[in-house]
């Protein structure tokens, strides 16, 4: 009997869209596909850590319970640290989930990718404190403050390797399943904001001082559409950057199976939309079921 290949998961960045990883992991489990190694970037790092630590159910319960109001309570605004949000709540959440303190204590080999602010180089975090590895990987530029760790200022890994196939391969994977929460199946990288819709961006805007309310878009006149505000421009710029980087990286290091989300209408801060993202993760696996079964 042929030996089963060593399966690696590369879980990509995407902010709130990264909740799709929960649906992907659930659906893969139902198929009997359990990864041997997990490489995560940004939100993929958080979900991957929860799975590798046996706490995915707890993360899913927490995510599904989030509302725009409860999301507000997680926003620790701080304008002096290189971002709008300090990101302490990531540490709090990981402790609440009951995740171990170090990467070595996880049930599966796990690593995250971050970006060195000084050199722009890719940084792989494969050992040491788990919470620092996840927090560094999720330091979304302009929104979440960079993290000082290992004598480096680290930013979101999506700036250099948004779907870390190369990291999963370096961890010993023979075949790799990659998940891209930022896929744009309709080709659009930006949609005009719905000012009536409650979203993560509107929740963040509500916490801003009055002098900074202009960061949010508004109609300039009755005859013109709503202009994109600072937060819209920032989040869309991140989308554009990571999509171009992803395409370049995938051309040289394609996975065996690519799972692409259909979540263009979710912003990176729509953390109260977990139900939709998780369902799309399940859809991705179902659509690629035949290709996934060939890996076994």
Protein backbone atom coordinates (compact mmCIF):
# COMPACT_ATOMS: atom_id res chain seq x y z
CA UNK A 1 0.00 0.00 0.00
CA UNK A 2 1.30 3.43 -0.95
CA UNK A 3 2.14 5.72 1.91
CA UNK A 4 -0.25 8.63 2.38
CA UNK A 5 1.40 11.92 1.42
CA UNK A 6 2.18 14.45 4.11
CA UNK A 7 -0.55 17.09 3.79
CA UNK A 8 0.09 20.75 4.46
CA UNK A 9 -2.46 23.54 4.84
CA UNK A 10 -1.59 27.10 3.80
CA UNK A 11 -4.20 29.38 5.37
CA UNK A 12 -4.16 32.85 3.86
CA UNK A 13 -4.67 36.36 5.14
CA UNK A 14 -7.97 38.19 4.75
CA UNK A 15 -9.13 39.77 8.00
CA UNK A 16 -12.73 38.80 8.72
CA UNK A 17 -12.89 36.87 5.45
CA UNK A 18 -10.41 34.49 7.06
CA UNK A 19 -13.23 32.99 9.10
CA UNK A 20 -13.75 30.87 5.97
CA UNK A 21 -10.81 28.79 7.23
CA UNK A 22 -13.09 27.49 10.00
CA UNK A 23 -15.55 26.14 7.41
CA UNK A 24 -12.72 24.68 5.35
CA UNK A 25 -11.24 22.84 8.34
CA UNK A 26 -14.64 21.52 9.42
CA UNK A 27 -15.40 20.24 5.93
CA UNK A 28 -11.95 18.65 5.54
CA UNK A 29 -12.41 16.84 8.85
CA UNK A 30 -15.72 15.44 7.60
CA UNK A 31 -13.90 14.12 4.53
CA UNK A 32 -11.29 12.47 6.72
CA UNK A 33 -8.56 14.85 5.60
CA UNK A 34 -6.44 15.99 8.52
CA UNK A 35 -3.38 18.12 7.78
CA UNK A 36 0.04 17.11 9.03
CA UNK A 37 1.37 20.70 9.08
CA UNK A 38 -0.28 24.12 9.11
CA UNK A 39 1.17 27.41 7.89
CA UNK A 40 -0.93 30.48 8.59
CA UNK A 41 -0.83 34.13 7.64
CA UNK A 42 -2.72 36.84 9.56
CA UNK A 43 -6.27 35.54 10.21
CA UNK A 44 -5.09 32.21 8.85
CA UNK A 45 -2.54 32.18 11.67
CA UNK A 46 -5.24 32.61 14.33
CA UNK A 47 -7.55 29.96 12.89
CA UNK A 48 -4.64 27.61 12.22
CA UNK A 49 -3.41 27.97 15.79
CA UNK A 50 -6.88 27.22 17.14
CA UNK A 51 -7.10 24.08 15.00
CA UNK A 52 -3.59 22.91 15.85
CA UNK A 53 -4.37 23.46 19.53
CA UNK A 54 -7.68 21.57 19.45
CA UNK A 55 -9.71 24.75 20.11
CA UNK A 56 -11.40 25.33 16.76
CA UNK A 57 -14.89 24.76 18.19
CA UNK A 58 -14.29 27.39 20.84
CA UNK A 59 -13.08 29.91 18.25
CA UNK A 60 -16.08 29.18 16.04
CA UNK A 61 -18.50 29.72 18.92
CA UNK A 62 -16.81 33.03 19.79
CA UNK A 63 -16.81 34.19 16.17
CA UNK A 64 -20.46 33.35 15.52
CA UNK A 65 -21.49 35.25 18.65
CA UNK A 66 -19.81 38.52 17.62
CA UNK A 67 -22.08 41.45 16.80
CA UNK A 68 -21.21 44.98 15.61
CA UNK A 69 -21.67 46.13 19.22
CA UNK A 70 -19.48 43.43 20.77
CA UNK A 71 -16.87 44.02 18.06
CA UNK A 72 -16.63 47.61 19.32
CA UNK A 73 -15.56 46.34 22.73
CA UNK A 74 -12.53 44.67 21.11
CA UNK A 75 -11.28 47.84 19.43
CA UNK A 76 -8.45 49.19 21.58
CA UNK A 77 -7.75 52.46 19.77
CA UNK A 78 -4.23 53.81 20.07
CA UNK A 79 -2.90 56.40 17.64
CA UNK A 80 0.72 56.42 18.84
CA UNK A 81 1.71 52.84 18.03
CA UNK A 82 1.85 52.76 14.25
CA UNK A 83 -1.78 51.70 13.83
CA UNK A 84 -5.33 52.60 14.81
CA UNK A 85 -5.63 49.52 17.03
CA UNK A 86 -3.07 48.15 19.46
CA UNK A 87 -4.20 44.54 19.09
CA UNK A 88 -4.05 43.45 22.73
CA UNK A 89 -7.37 41.67 22.32
CA UNK A 90 -5.70 39.04 20.15
CA UNK A 91 -3.71 37.97 23.23
CA UNK A 92 -6.87 38.07 25.35
CA UNK A 93 -8.80 35.94 22.88
CA UNK A 94 -6.08 33.30 22.63
CA UNK A 95 -5.96 33.02 26.40
CA UNK A 96 -9.75 32.79 26.57
CA UNK A 97 -9.70 29.99 24.00
CA UNK A 98 -7.29 28.04 26.18
CA UNK A 99 -4.49 27.83 23.64
CA UNK A 100 -1.03 26.80 24.89
CA UNK A 101 1.70 29.33 25.50
CA UNK A 102 4.20 27.96 22.98
CA UNK A 103 4.09 26.64 19.43
CA UNK A 104 5.85 23.46 20.58
CA UNK A 105 2.85 22.55 22.78
CA UNK A 106 0.42 22.41 19.85
CA UNK A 107 -0.87 19.09 18.56
CA UNK A 108 0.40 19.74 15.02
CA UNK A 109 3.48 21.41 13.53
CA UNK A 110 2.50 25.03 13.06
CA UNK A 111 4.12 28.23 11.83
CA UNK A 112 3.17 31.77 10.87
CA UNK A 113 4.60 34.31 8.47
CA UNK A 114 5.25 37.99 9.26
CA UNK A 115 7.09 40.90 7.63
CA UNK A 116 10.20 42.63 8.99
CA UNK A 117 9.38 46.35 8.97
CA UNK A 118 13.05 47.37 8.64
CA UNK A 119 14.09 45.14 5.75
CA UNK A 120 10.79 44.06 4.20
CA UNK A 121 11.93 40.45 4.47
CA UNK A 122 9.66 37.51 5.13
CA UNK A 123 9.93 36.13 8.68
CA UNK A 124 8.87 32.60 9.56
CA UNK A 125 7.83 32.05 13.18
CA UNK A 126 8.08 28.32 13.86
CA UNK A 127 8.81 28.21 17.60
CA UNK A 128 8.54 30.33 20.72
CA UNK A 129 5.46 32.05 22.17
CA UNK A 130 2.32 31.18 20.22
CA UNK A 131 0.50 34.42 20.96
CA UNK A 132 3.40 36.53 19.70
CA UNK A 133 3.62 34.52 16.46
CA UNK A 134 -0.09 34.98 15.74
CA UNK A 135 -0.19 38.65 16.79
CA UNK A 136 2.84 39.52 14.64
CA UNK A 137 1.36 37.78 11.60
CA UNK A 138 -1.89 39.73 12.03
CA UNK A 139 -0.43 43.25 12.34
CA UNK A 140 -2.47 44.68 9.48
CA UNK A 141 -0.59 47.76 8.23
CA UNK A 142 -2.25 51.05 9.12
CA UNK A 143 -4.88 49.34 11.28
CA UNK A 144 -3.16 47.07 13.84
CA UNK A 145 0.12 48.27 15.33
CA UNK A 146 3.33 46.43 14.43
CA UNK A 147 4.72 44.13 17.10
CA UNK A 148 8.24 44.14 18.50
CA UNK A 149 9.33 40.51 18.75
CA UNK A 150 12.70 38.83 18.36
CA UNK A 151 14.44 42.21 18.15
CA UNK A 152 12.37 43.09 15.07
CA UNK A 153 9.33 45.23 14.36
CA UNK A 154 6.96 42.85 12.61
CA UNK A 155 3.99 43.53 10.34
CA UNK A 156 1.28 41.40 8.76
CA UNK A 157 2.63 38.48 6.75
CA UNK A 158 0.21 39.26 3.93
CA UNK A 159 2.61 41.95 2.73
CA UNK A 160 5.09 39.31 1.59
CA UNK A 161 3.38 35.89 1.52
CA UNK A 162 -0.43 36.13 1.85
CA UNK A 163 -1.02 32.41 1.20
CA UNK A 164 2.09 30.73 2.66
CA UNK A 165 2.49 27.71 0.41
CA UNK A 166 6.28 27.99 0.56
CA UNK A 167 6.24 27.83 4.35
CA UNK A 168 4.02 24.73 4.38
CA UNK A 169 6.38 23.08 1.91
CA UNK A 170 9.41 23.99 4.05
CA UNK A 171 7.66 22.32 6.98
CA UNK A 172 7.77 19.01 5.10
CA UNK A 173 4.44 18.88 3.28
CA UNK A 174 4.31 16.68 0.18
CA UNK A 175 0.99 18.08 -1.03
CA UNK A 176 -0.52 21.42 -0.10
CA UNK A 177 -4.08 22.66 0.18
CA UNK A 178 -4.09 26.46 -0.01
CA UNK A 179 -6.97 28.70 1.05
CA UNK A 180 -7.30 32.24 -0.31
CA UNK A 181 -9.95 34.27 1.59
CA UNK A 182 -9.27 37.30 -0.62
CA UNK A 183 -10.16 35.69 -3.95
CA UNK A 184 -12.13 38.04 -6.18
CA UNK A 185 -14.26 35.74 -8.28
CA UNK A 186 -16.13 38.70 -9.78
CA UNK A 187 -12.92 40.57 -10.53
CA UNK A 188 -13.77 43.57 -8.33
CA UNK A 189 -11.25 44.66 -5.71
CA UNK A 190 -13.44 47.49 -4.38
CA UNK A 191 -17.15 48.06 -4.03
CA UNK A 192 -18.76 51.41 -3.23
CA UNK A 193 -19.62 51.41 0.48
CA UNK A 194 -23.21 50.93 1.59
CA UNK A 195 -23.53 53.75 4.12
CA UNK A 196 -26.69 52.23 5.56
CA UNK A 197 -25.12 48.86 6.28
CA UNK A 198 -23.65 48.11 9.67
CA UNK A 199 -20.12 46.84 9.12
CA UNK A 200 -16.80 46.47 10.85
CA UNK A 201 -15.66 49.66 9.19
CA UNK A 202 -18.66 51.62 10.50
CA UNK A 203 -18.09 50.16 13.96
CA UNK A 204 -14.48 51.32 13.92
CA UNK A 205 -15.57 54.74 12.67
CA UNK A 206 -17.93 55.05 15.62
CA UNK A 207 -14.99 54.83 17.99
CA UNK A 208 -12.93 57.53 16.29
CA UNK A 209 -12.65 60.99 17.83
CA UNK A 210 -14.86 63.61 16.18
CA UNK A 211 -11.85 65.19 14.47
CA UNK A 212 -11.21 61.91 12.64
CA UNK A 213 -14.77 61.17 11.51
CA UNK A 214 -13.76 62.23 8.01
CA UNK A 215 -11.93 58.93 7.69
CA UNK A 216 -15.32 57.50 6.72
CA UNK A 217 -16.84 58.20 3.28
CA UNK A 218 -19.84 60.43 2.76
CA UNK A 219 -21.75 61.95 -0.15
CA UNK A 220 -20.18 65.13 -1.43
CA UNK A 221 -23.39 66.23 -3.17
CA UNK A 222 -26.70 64.86 -4.37
CA UNK A 223 -25.23 64.25 -7.83
CA UNK A 224 -22.06 62.38 -6.90
CA UNK A 225 -21.54 58.94 -5.36
CA UNK A 226 -20.07 58.40 -1.93
CA UNK A 227 -16.34 59.00 -2.06
CA UNK A 228 -14.14 56.30 -0.53
CA UNK A 229 -12.86 57.32 2.88
CA UNK A 230 -9.51 56.64 4.50
CA UNK A 231 -10.46 53.25 5.93
CA UNK A 232 -12.00 52.10 2.63
CA UNK A 233 -8.93 53.21 0.69
CA UNK A 234 -6.61 51.54 3.21
CA UNK A 235 -8.44 48.21 3.25
CA UNK A 236 -8.81 48.15 -0.55
CA UNK A 237 -5.14 49.03 -0.99
CA UNK A 238 -4.28 46.04 1.19
CA UNK A 239 -6.55 43.90 -1.03
CA UNK A 240 -4.80 45.10 -4.19
CA UNK A 241 -1.32 44.61 -2.73
CA UNK A 242 -1.95 41.12 -1.39
CA UNK A 243 -3.67 39.98 -4.59
CA UNK A 244 -0.71 40.99 -6.76
CA UNK A 245 1.75 39.39 -4.32
CA UNK A 246 -0.35 36.21 -4.14
CA UNK A 247 -0.44 35.86 -7.93
CA UNK A 248 3.31 36.29 -8.17
CA UNK A 249 3.98 33.77 -5.40
CA UNK A 250 1.48 31.21 -6.74
CA UNK A 251 3.06 31.33 -10.20
CA UNK A 252 6.31 30.03 -8.77
CA UNK A 253 4.99 27.77 -6.01
CA UNK A 254 1.46 26.53 -6.84
CA UNK A 255 -0.35 24.28 -4.35
CA UNK A 256 -1.89 20.96 -5.34
CA UNK A 257 -5.38 22.29 -4.47
CA UNK A 258 -6.40 25.96 -4.29
CA UNK A 259 -9.59 26.87 -2.44
CA UNK A 260 -10.85 30.33 -3.38
CA UNK A 261 -13.38 32.27 -1.33
CA UNK A 262 -16.30 34.25 -2.73
CA UNK A 263 -16.49 37.00 -0.10
CA UNK A 264 -15.99 40.20 -2.06
CA UNK A 265 -18.88 41.88 -0.23
CA UNK A 266 -17.18 41.44 3.17
CA UNK A 267 -14.62 43.98 4.34
CA UNK A 268 -11.56 42.90 6.25
CA UNK A 269 -13.21 44.26 9.42
CA UNK A 270 -16.64 42.61 9.12
CA UNK A 271 -15.90 40.29 12.03
CA UNK A 272 -19.60 39.99 12.89
CA UNK A 273 -20.19 38.15 9.57
CA UNK A 274 -18.63 34.85 10.65
CA UNK A 275 -21.65 32.77 9.62
CA UNK A 276 -21.31 33.84 6.00
CA UNK A 277 -17.56 33.32 5.82
CA UNK A 278 -17.70 29.90 7.50
CA UNK A 279 -20.42 28.77 5.09
CA UNK A 280 -18.28 29.84 2.16
CA UNK A 281 -15.42 27.75 3.52
CA UNK A 282 -17.66 24.72 3.44
CA UNK A 283 -18.69 25.59 -0.14
CA UNK A 284 -15.07 25.74 -1.27
CA UNK A 285 -14.34 22.24 -0.02
CA UNK A 286 -17.53 20.81 -1.55
CA UNK A 287 -16.67 22.30 -4.95
CA UNK A 288 -13.15 20.85 -4.86
CA UNK A 289 -14.15 17.54 -3.31
CA UNK A 290 -12.93 15.40 -6.20
CA UNK A 291 -9.50 17.07 -6.28
CA UNK A 292 -9.19 16.77 -2.50
CA UNK A 293 -10.09 13.07 -2.51
CA UNK A 294 -7.28 12.41 -4.97
CA UNK A 295 -4.82 13.56 -2.30
CA UNK A 296 -5.69 10.59 -0.06
